[in-house]
């Protein structure tokens, strides 16, 4: 995801990113939320993974986060664990810098 954003961060077109892993999707959501990116996370089809449309050109007052419902309980648990772990990693990295 970092590579996709870095390659297109000065472009006004949306960035498309995909992962088949609910844990990775959860990590991506945390990183995008904290980076203040507008994005939509959606499913291409039943159980086929998670696609992101990331917008880098919206004004702050238009900022939005849209996450499709994750139906399967085990996928929801993995997704939330990914979000939590990413947050803890960021907090730990920030603590080490200070």
Protein backbone atom coordinates (compact mmCIF):
# COMPACT_ATOMS: atom_id res chain seq x y z
CA UNK A 1 0.00 0.00 0.00
CA UNK A 2 2.84 2.39 0.87
CA UNK A 3 4.38 1.79 -2.55
CA UNK A 4 1.05 2.41 -4.30
CA UNK A 5 0.52 5.71 -2.44
CA UNK A 6 4.12 6.89 -2.92
CA UNK A 7 3.92 6.21 -6.65
CA UNK A 8 0.71 8.21 -7.05
CA UNK A 9 0.57 10.68 -4.14
CA UNK A 10 0.82 13.75 -6.38
CA UNK A 11 -1.81 12.47 -8.81
CA UNK A 12 -5.47 13.49 -8.56
CA UNK A 13 -6.81 10.10 -9.63
CA UNK A 14 -7.85 7.58 -6.97
CA UNK A 15 -5.36 4.89 -6.00
CA UNK A 16 -6.56 1.28 -6.16
CA UNK A 17 -5.11 -1.26 -3.72
CA UNK A 18 -6.12 -4.86 -3.02
CA UNK A 19 -5.42 -7.50 -0.38
CA UNK A 20 -6.88 -10.95 0.11
CA UNK A 21 -6.00 -10.97 3.83
CA UNK A 22 -8.47 -9.48 6.34
CA UNK A 23 -5.60 -8.81 8.77
CA UNK A 24 -3.77 -6.72 6.14
CA UNK A 25 -7.01 -4.91 5.34
CA UNK A 26 -7.38 -3.99 9.01
CA UNK A 27 -3.82 -2.69 9.15
CA UNK A 28 -4.41 -0.63 6.02
CA UNK A 29 -7.56 0.92 7.49
CA UNK A 30 -5.70 2.07 10.60
CA UNK A 31 -2.83 3.54 8.57
CA UNK A 32 -5.18 5.32 6.17
CA UNK A 33 -7.33 6.71 8.99
CA UNK A 34 -4.32 8.07 10.87
CA UNK A 35 -2.80 9.47 7.66
CA UNK A 36 -6.05 11.38 7.07
CA UNK A 37 -6.70 9.80 3.66
CA UNK A 38 -10.22 9.49 2.33
CA UNK A 39 -10.97 5.94 1.27
CA UNK A 40 -13.56 3.29 0.56
CA UNK A 41 -12.92 -0.37 1.40
CA UNK A 42 -15.16 -2.83 -0.40
CA UNK A 43 -15.46 -6.47 -1.43
CA UNK A 44 -15.20 -7.49 -5.07
CA UNK A 45 -17.33 -10.57 -4.46
CA UNK A 46 -18.09 -13.14 -1.80
CA UNK A 47 -14.95 -13.82 0.19
CA UNK A 48 -12.58 -12.70 -2.59
CA UNK A 49 -10.74 -10.08 -0.59
CA UNK A 50 -10.71 -6.37 0.08
CA UNK A 51 -10.29 -3.58 -2.41
CA UNK A 52 -9.48 -0.01 -1.49
CA UNK A 53 -10.12 3.18 -3.39
CA UNK A 54 -7.85 5.78 -1.79
CA UNK A 55 -8.38 9.45 -2.59
CA UNK A 56 -5.45 11.81 -2.09
CA UNK A 57 -6.95 15.00 -3.52
CA UNK A 58 -10.01 15.79 -1.37
CA UNK A 59 -10.17 18.89 0.76
CA UNK A 60 -10.23 18.33 4.51
CA UNK A 61 -13.91 19.25 4.84
CA UNK A 62 -14.72 16.46 2.35
CA UNK A 63 -12.75 13.81 4.25
CA UNK A 64 -14.56 10.48 4.55
CA UNK A 65 -13.98 6.86 5.52
CA UNK A 66 -16.26 4.16 4.18
CA UNK A 67 -15.81 0.50 5.11
CA UNK A 68 -18.08 -2.24 3.80
CA UNK A 69 -19.42 -4.68 6.38
CA UNK A 70 -17.31 -7.79 6.89
CA UNK A 71 -19.79 -10.64 7.10
CA UNK A 72 -17.75 -13.63 8.28
CA UNK A 73 -17.01 -13.61 12.02
CA UNK A 74 -13.47 -15.00 11.69
CA UNK A 75 -12.65 -12.40 9.01
CA UNK A 76 -14.02 -9.62 11.25
CA UNK A 77 -11.83 -10.82 14.12
CA UNK A 78 -8.72 -10.91 11.91
CA UNK A 79 -9.60 -7.48 10.51
CA UNK A 80 -9.95 -5.93 13.98
CA UNK A 81 -6.73 -7.60 15.15
CA UNK A 82 -4.91 -6.06 12.19
CA UNK A 83 -6.28 -2.62 13.09
CA UNK A 84 -5.22 -3.05 16.71
CA UNK A 85 -1.73 -4.34 15.92
CA UNK A 86 -1.08 -1.51 13.45
CA UNK A 87 -2.09 1.05 16.08
CA UNK A 88 0.19 -0.52 18.69
CA UNK A 89 3.10 -0.60 16.22
CA UNK A 90 2.61 3.10 15.46
CA UNK A 91 2.40 4.01 19.15
CA UNK A 92 5.56 2.01 19.89
CA UNK A 93 7.44 3.65 17.00
CA UNK A 94 6.31 7.09 18.21
CA UNK A 95 7.43 6.27 21.77
CA UNK A 96 10.88 5.24 20.53
CA UNK A 97 11.27 8.52 18.60
CA UNK A 98 10.48 10.59 21.69
